[in-house]
PDB file of all heavy atoms in Angstrom:
ATOM      1  N   HIS A   1      55.056 -66.911-105.438  1.00  0.00           N
ATOM      2  CA  HIS A   1      56.255 -67.627-105.873  1.00  0.00           C
ATOM      3  C   HIS A   1      57.047 -66.783-106.902  1.00  0.00           C
ATOM      4  O   HIS A   1      58.191 -66.698-106.890  1.00  0.00           O
ATOM      5  CB  HIS A   1      55.884 -69.019-106.339  1.00  0.00           C
ATOM      6  CG  HIS A   1      55.516 -69.953-105.336  1.00  0.00           C
ATOM      7  ND1 HIS A   1      56.479 -70.496-104.460  1.00  0.00           N
ATOM      8  CD2 HIS A   1      54.320 -70.484-104.930  1.00  0.00           C
ATOM      9  CE1 HIS A   1      55.816 -71.320-103.584  1.00  0.00           C
ATOM     10  NE2 HIS A   1      54.611 -71.317-103.828  1.00  0.00           N
ATOM     11  N   ASN A   2      56.223 -66.238-107.810  1.00  0.00           N
ATOM     12  CA  ASN A   2      56.939 -65.352-108.816  1.00  0.00           C
ATOM     13  C   ASN A   2      57.582 -64.165-108.199  1.00  0.00           C
ATOM     14  O   ASN A   2      58.767 -63.829-108.617  1.00  0.00           O
ATOM     15  CB  ASN A   2      55.850 -64.784-109.874  1.00  0.00           C
ATOM     16  CG  ASN A   2      55.293 -65.903-110.640  1.00  0.00           C
ATOM     17  OD1 ASN A   2      55.835 -66.985-110.852  1.00  0.00           O
ATOM     18  ND2 ASN A   2      54.152 -65.695-111.290  1.00  0.00           N
ATOM     19  N   ALA A   3      56.969 -63.524-107.247  1.00  0.00           N
ATOM     20  CA  ALA A   3      57.567 -62.370-106.501  1.00  0.00           C
ATOM     21  C   ALA A   3      58.879 -62.851-105.784  1.00  0.00           C
ATOM     22  O   ALA A   3      59.943 -62.143-105.769  1.00  0.00           O
ATOM     23  CB  ALA A   3      56.605 -61.732-105.525  1.00  0.00           C
ATOM     24  N   LEU A   4      58.716 -63.994-105.117  1.00  0.00           N
ATOM     25  CA  LEU A   4      59.916 -64.516-104.333  1.00  0.00           C
ATOM     26  C   LEU A   4      61.032 -64.831-105.247  1.00  0.00           C
ATOM     27  O   LEU A   4      62.167 -64.598-104.971  1.00  0.00           O
ATOM     28  CB  LEU A   4      59.523 -65.663-103.481  1.00  0.00           C
ATOM     29  CG  LEU A   4      60.582 -66.318-102.585  1.00  0.00           C
ATOM     30  CD1 LEU A   4      60.987 -65.227-101.544  1.00  0.00           C
ATOM     31  CD2 LEU A   4      60.004 -67.515-101.881  1.00  0.00           C
ATOM     32  N   ASP A   5      60.775 -65.418-106.407  1.00  0.00           N
ATOM     33  CA  ASP A   5      61.769 -65.731-107.322  1.00  0.00           C
ATOM     34  C   ASP A   5      62.516 -64.461-107.798  1.00  0.00           C
ATOM     35  O   ASP A   5      63.767 -64.403-107.885  1.00  0.00           O
ATOM     36  CB  ASP A   5      61.220 -66.425-108.536  1.00  0.00           C
ATOM     37  CG  ASP A   5      60.820 -67.863-108.321  1.00  0.00           C
ATOM     38  OD1 ASP A   5      61.197 -68.331-107.246  1.00  0.00           O
ATOM     39  OD2 ASP A   5      60.013 -68.439-109.087  1.00  0.00           O
ATOM     40  N   GLN A   6      61.761 -63.364-108.064  1.00  0.00           N
ATOM     41  CA  GLN A   6      62.297 -62.112-108.455  1.00  0.00           C
ATOM     42  C   GLN A   6      63.253 -61.562-107.342  1.00  0.00           C
ATOM     43  O   GLN A   6      64.353 -61.071-107.610  1.00  0.00           O
ATOM     44  CB  GLN A   6      61.267 -61.124-108.820  1.00  0.00           C
ATOM     45  CG  GLN A   6      60.553 -61.313-110.072  1.00  0.00           C
ATOM     46  CD  GLN A   6      59.634 -60.201-110.463  1.00  0.00           C
ATOM     47  OE1 GLN A   6      59.880 -59.034-110.279  1.00  0.00           O
ATOM     48  NE2 GLN A   6      58.408 -60.513-110.922  1.00  0.00           N
ATOM     49  N   ALA A   7      62.785 -61.662-106.060  1.00  0.00           N
ATOM     50  CA  ALA A   7      63.471 -61.105-104.997  1.00  0.00           C
ATOM     51  C   ALA A   7      64.793 -61.787-104.719  1.00  0.00           C
ATOM     52  O   ALA A   7      65.864 -61.133-104.465  1.00  0.00           O
ATOM     53  CB  ALA A   7      62.608 -61.159-103.692  1.00  0.00           C
ATOM     54  N   LEU A   8      64.783 -63.096-104.892  1.00  0.00           N
ATOM     55  CA  LEU A   8      66.037 -63.922-104.656  1.00  0.00           C
ATOM     56  C   LEU A   8      66.968 -63.934-105.869  1.00  0.00           C
ATOM     57  O   LEU A   8      68.212 -64.112-105.603  1.00  0.00           O
ATOM     58  CB  LEU A   8      65.612 -65.354-104.173  1.00  0.00           C
ATOM     59  CG  LEU A   8      64.903 -65.371-102.890  1.00  0.00           C
ATOM     60  CD1 LEU A   8      64.540 -66.867-102.572  1.00  0.00           C
ATOM     61  CD2 LEU A   8      65.705 -64.759-101.706  1.00  0.00           C
ATOM     62  N   LEU A   9      66.464 -63.883-106.958  1.00  0.00           N
ATOM     63  CA  LEU A   9      67.262 -64.135-108.217  1.00  0.00           C
ATOM     64  C   LEU A   9      67.620 -62.789-108.821  1.00  0.00           C
ATOM     65  O   LEU A   9      68.562 -62.812-109.784  1.00  0.00           O
ATOM     66  CB  LEU A   9      66.503 -65.022-109.226  1.00  0.00           C
ATOM     67  CG  LEU A   9      66.165 -66.398-108.746  1.00  0.00           C
ATOM     68  CD1 LEU A   9      65.370 -67.118-109.862  1.00  0.00           C
ATOM     69  CD2 LEU A   9      67.377 -67.215-108.338  1.00  0.00           C
ATOM     70  N   GLN A  10      67.113 -61.640-108.469  1.00  0.00           N
ATOM     71  CA  GLN A  10      67.445 -60.313-109.003  1.00  0.00           C
ATOM     72  C   GLN A  10      67.815 -59.433-107.816  1.00  0.00           C
ATOM     73  O   GLN A  10      67.027 -58.584-107.509  1.00  0.00           O
ATOM     74  CB  GLN A  10      66.342 -59.782-109.843  1.00  0.00           C
ATOM     75  CG  GLN A  10      65.833 -60.680-110.998  1.00  0.00           C
ATOM     76  CD  GLN A  10      64.693 -60.081-111.814  1.00  0.00           C
ATOM     77  OE1 GLN A  10      64.715 -58.858-112.141  1.00  0.00           O
ATOM     78  NE2 GLN A  10      63.704 -60.852-112.165  1.00  0.00           N
ATOM     79  N   PRO A  11      69.003 -59.525-107.386  1.00  0.00           N
ATOM     80  CA  PRO A  11      69.434 -58.682-106.217  1.00  0.00           C
ATOM     81  C   PRO A  11      69.361 -57.205-106.470  1.00  0.00           C
ATOM     82  O   PRO A  11      69.099 -56.464-105.547  1.00  0.00           O
ATOM     83  CB  PRO A  11      70.804 -59.211-105.946  1.00  0.00           C
ATOM     84  CG  PRO A  11      71.325 -59.870-107.178  1.00  0.00           C
ATOM     85  CD  PRO A  11      70.050 -60.420-107.709  1.00  0.00           C
ATOM     86  N   GLU A  12      69.672 -56.782-107.686  1.00  0.00           N
ATOM     87  CA  GLU A  12      69.581 -55.365-107.999  1.00  0.00           C
ATOM     88  C   GLU A  12      68.159 -54.835-107.902  1.00  0.00           C
ATOM     89  O   GLU A  12      67.915 -53.691-107.354  1.00  0.00           O
ATOM     90  CB  GLU A  12      70.145 -55.068-109.408  1.00  0.00           C
ATOM     91  CG  GLU A  12      71.661 -55.386-109.483  1.00  0.00           C
ATOM     92  CD  GLU A  12      72.204 -55.009-110.925  1.00  0.00           C
ATOM     93  OE1 GLU A  12      71.392 -54.592-111.751  1.00  0.00           O
ATOM     94  OE2 GLU A  12      73.448 -55.155-111.037  1.00  0.00           O
ATOM     95  N   LEU A  13      67.162 -55.597-108.384  1.00  0.00           N
ATOM     96  CA  LEU A  13      65.797 -55.179-108.317  1.00  0.00           C
ATOM     97  C   LEU A  13      65.406 -55.158-106.796  1.00  0.00           C
ATOM     98  O   LEU A  13      64.683 -54.221-106.429  1.00  0.00           O
ATOM     99  CB  LEU A  13      64.938 -56.155-109.024  1.00  0.00           C
ATOM    100  CG  LEU A  13      63.403 -55.849-109.050  1.00  0.00           C
ATOM    101  CD1 LEU A  13      63.148 -54.466-109.782  1.00  0.00           C
ATOM    102  CD2 LEU A  13      62.621 -57.004-109.724  1.00  0.00           C
ATOM    103  N   ARG A  14      65.822 -56.156-106.062  1.00  0.00           N
ATOM    104  CA  ARG A  14      65.532 -56.246-104.633  1.00  0.00           C
ATOM    105  C   ARG A  14      65.988 -55.015-103.909  1.00  0.00           C
ATOM    106  O   ARG A  14      65.358 -54.403-103.118  1.00  0.00           O
ATOM    107  CB  ARG A  14      66.085 -57.517-104.058  1.00  0.00           C
ATOM    108  CG  ARG A  14      65.769 -57.714-102.564  1.00  0.00           C
ATOM    109  CD  ARG A  14      66.333 -59.052-102.109  1.00  0.00           C
ATOM    110  NE  ARG A  14      67.785 -59.067-101.937  1.00  0.00           N
ATOM    111  CZ  ARG A  14      68.530 -59.884-102.560  1.00  0.00           C
ATOM    112  NH1 ARG A  14      68.126 -60.878-103.283  1.00  0.00           N
ATOM    113  NH2 ARG A  14      69.907 -59.812-102.347  1.00  0.00           N
ATOM    114  N   ALA A  15      67.246 -54.608-104.179  1.00  0.00           N
ATOM    115  CA  ALA A  15      67.848 -53.433-103.557  1.00  0.00           C
ATOM    116  C   ALA A  15      67.161 -52.175-103.991  1.00  0.00           C
ATOM    117  O   ALA A  15      66.960 -51.189-103.161  1.00  0.00           O
ATOM    118  CB  ALA A  15      69.315 -53.363-103.917  1.00  0.00           C
ATOM    119  N   GLN A  16      66.712 -52.082-105.219  1.00  0.00           N
ATOM    120  CA  GLN A  16      66.017 -50.946-105.754  1.00  0.00           C
ATOM    121  C   GLN A  16      64.642 -50.749-105.020  1.00  0.00           C
ATOM    122  O   GLN A  16      64.306 -49.706-104.579  1.00  0.00           O
ATOM    123  CB  GLN A  16      65.751 -51.110-107.163  1.00  0.00           C
ATOM    124  CG  GLN A  16      64.883 -50.030-107.790  1.00  0.00           C
ATOM    125  CD  GLN A  16      64.562 -50.280-109.306  1.00  0.00           C
ATOM    126  OE1 GLN A  16      65.328 -50.880-110.060  1.00  0.00           O
ATOM    127  NE2 GLN A  16      63.361 -49.943-109.773  1.00  0.00           N
ATOM    128  N   PHE A  17      63.916 -51.846-104.853  1.00  0.00           N
ATOM    129  CA  PHE A  17      62.625 -51.717-104.101  1.00  0.00           C
ATOM    130  C   PHE A  17      62.882 -51.375-102.627  1.00  0.00           C
ATOM    131  O   PHE A  17      62.086 -50.540-102.056  1.00  0.00           O
ATOM    132  CB  PHE A  17      61.902 -53.093-104.149  1.00  0.00           C
ATOM    133  CG  PHE A  17      61.252 -53.369-105.493  1.00  0.00           C
ATOM    134  CD1 PHE A  17      61.508 -52.549-106.611  1.00  0.00           C
ATOM    135  CD2 PHE A  17      60.519 -54.571-105.635  1.00  0.00           C
ATOM    136  CE1 PHE A  17      60.903 -52.816-107.799  1.00  0.00           C
ATOM    137  CE2 PHE A  17      59.949 -54.857-106.895  1.00  0.00           C
ATOM    138  CZ  PHE A  17      60.129 -53.936-107.942  1.00  0.00           C
ATOM    139  N   ALA A  18      63.851 -51.931-102.012  1.00  0.00           N
ATOM    140  CA  ALA A  18      64.196 -51.717-100.590  1.00  0.00           C
ATOM    141  C   ALA A  18      64.528 -50.100-100.395  1.00  0.00           C
ATOM    142  O   ALA A  18      64.082 -49.527 -99.448  1.00  0.00           O
ATOM    143  CB  ALA A  18      65.250 -52.478-100.076  1.00  0.00           C
ATOM    144  N   ALA A  19      65.314 -49.607-101.291  1.00  0.00           N
ATOM    145  CA  ALA A  19      65.727 -48.190-101.236  1.00  0.00           C
ATOM    146  C   ALA A  19      64.590 -47.308-101.341  1.00  0.00           C
ATOM    147  O   ALA A  19      64.463 -46.278-100.715  1.00  0.00           O
ATOM    148  CB  ALA A  19      66.825 -47.918-102.269  1.00  0.00           C
ATOM    149  N   ALA A  20      63.626 -47.627-102.370  1.00  0.00           N
ATOM    150  CA  ALA A  20      62.410 -46.810-102.530  1.00  0.00           C
ATOM    151  C   ALA A  20      61.569 -46.862-101.312  1.00  0.00           C
ATOM    152  O   ALA A  20      60.931 -45.806-100.902  1.00  0.00           O
ATOM    153  CB  ALA A  20      61.746 -47.278-103.706  1.00  0.00           C
ATOM    154  N   GLY A  21      61.428 -48.076-100.620  1.00  0.00           N
ATOM    155  CA  GLY A  21      60.703 -48.041 -99.444  1.00  0.00           C
ATOM    156  C   GLY A  21      61.230 -47.309 -98.294  1.00  0.00           C
ATOM    157  O   GLY A  21      60.549 -46.694 -97.566  1.00  0.00           O
ATOM    158  N   LYS A  22      62.548 -47.403 -98.183  1.00  0.00           N
ATOM    159  CA  LYS A  22      63.238 -46.684 -97.104  1.00  0.00           C
ATOM    160  C   LYS A  22      63.071 -45.184 -97.254  1.00  0.00           C
ATOM    161  O   LYS A  22      62.837 -44.371 -96.344  1.00  0.00           O
ATOM    162  CB  LYS A  22      64.607 -47.005 -97.060  1.00  0.00           C
ATOM    163  CG  LYS A  22      65.386 -46.368 -95.837  1.00  0.00           C
ATOM    164  CD  LYS A  22      66.773 -46.893 -95.657  1.00  0.00           C
ATOM    165  CE  LYS A  22      67.510 -46.309 -94.462  1.00  0.00           C
ATOM    166  NZ  LYS A  22      68.889 -46.860 -94.229  1.00  0.00           N
ATOM    167  N   LYS A  23      63.085 -44.694 -98.531  1.00  0.00           N
ATOM    168  CA  LYS A  23      62.855 -43.275 -98.750  1.00  0.00           C
ATOM    169  C   LYS A  23      61.446 -42.790 -98.343  1.00  0.00           C
ATOM    170  O   LYS A  23      61.289 -41.763 -97.719  1.00  0.00           O
ATOM    171  CB  LYS A  23      63.064 -42.956-100.242  1.00  0.00           C
ATOM    172  CG  LYS A  23      62.970 -41.505-100.677  1.00  0.00           C
ATOM    173  CD  LYS A  23      63.276 -41.371-102.164  1.00  0.00           C
ATOM    174  CE  LYS A  23      63.154 -39.831-102.562  1.00  0.00           C
ATOM    175  NZ  LYS A  23      63.380 -39.704-103.987  1.00  0.00           N
ATOM    176  N   LEU A  24      60.483 -43.575 -98.600  1.00  0.00           N
ATOM    177  CA  LEU A  24      59.136 -43.300 -98.187  1.00  0.00           C
ATOM    178  C   LEU A  24      58.941 -43.318 -96.691  1.00  0.00           C
ATOM    179  O   LEU A  24      58.374 -42.442 -96.153  1.00  0.00           O
ATOM    180  CB  LEU A  24      58.175 -44.293 -98.814  1.00  0.00           C
ATOM    181  CG  LEU A  24      56.689 -44.242 -98.362  1.00  0.00           C
ATOM    182  CD1 LEU A  24      56.074 -42.887 -98.843  1.00  0.00           C
ATOM    183  CD2 LEU A  24      55.846 -45.356 -99.066  1.00  0.00           C
ATOM    184  N   ALA A  25      59.510 -44.351 -96.095  1.00  0.00           N
ATOM    185  CA  ALA A  25      59.434 -44.402 -94.598  1.00  0.00           C
ATOM    186  C   ALA A  25      60.048 -43.200 -93.923  1.00  0.00           C
ATOM    187  O   ALA A  25      59.519 -42.705 -92.937  1.00  0.00           O
ATOM    188  CB  ALA A  25      60.178 -45.699 -94.120  1.00  0.00           C
ATOM    189  N   ALA A  26      61.255 -42.775 -94.418  1.00  0.00           N
ATOM    190  CA  ALA A  26      61.911 -41.674 -93.756  1.00  0.00           C
ATOM    191  C   ALA A  26      61.219 -40.356 -94.040  1.00  0.00           C
ATOM    192  O   ALA A  26      61.152 -39.428 -93.116  1.00  0.00           O
ATOM    193  CB  ALA A  26      63.328 -41.543 -94.394  1.00  0.00           C
TER     194      ALA A  26
END
């Protein structure tokens, strides 16, 4: 629940994590 709150309430952090993940995948 804490992680989900961060993901939904902090869009900049969510985008930062997604970008880091995409860089690793590529």
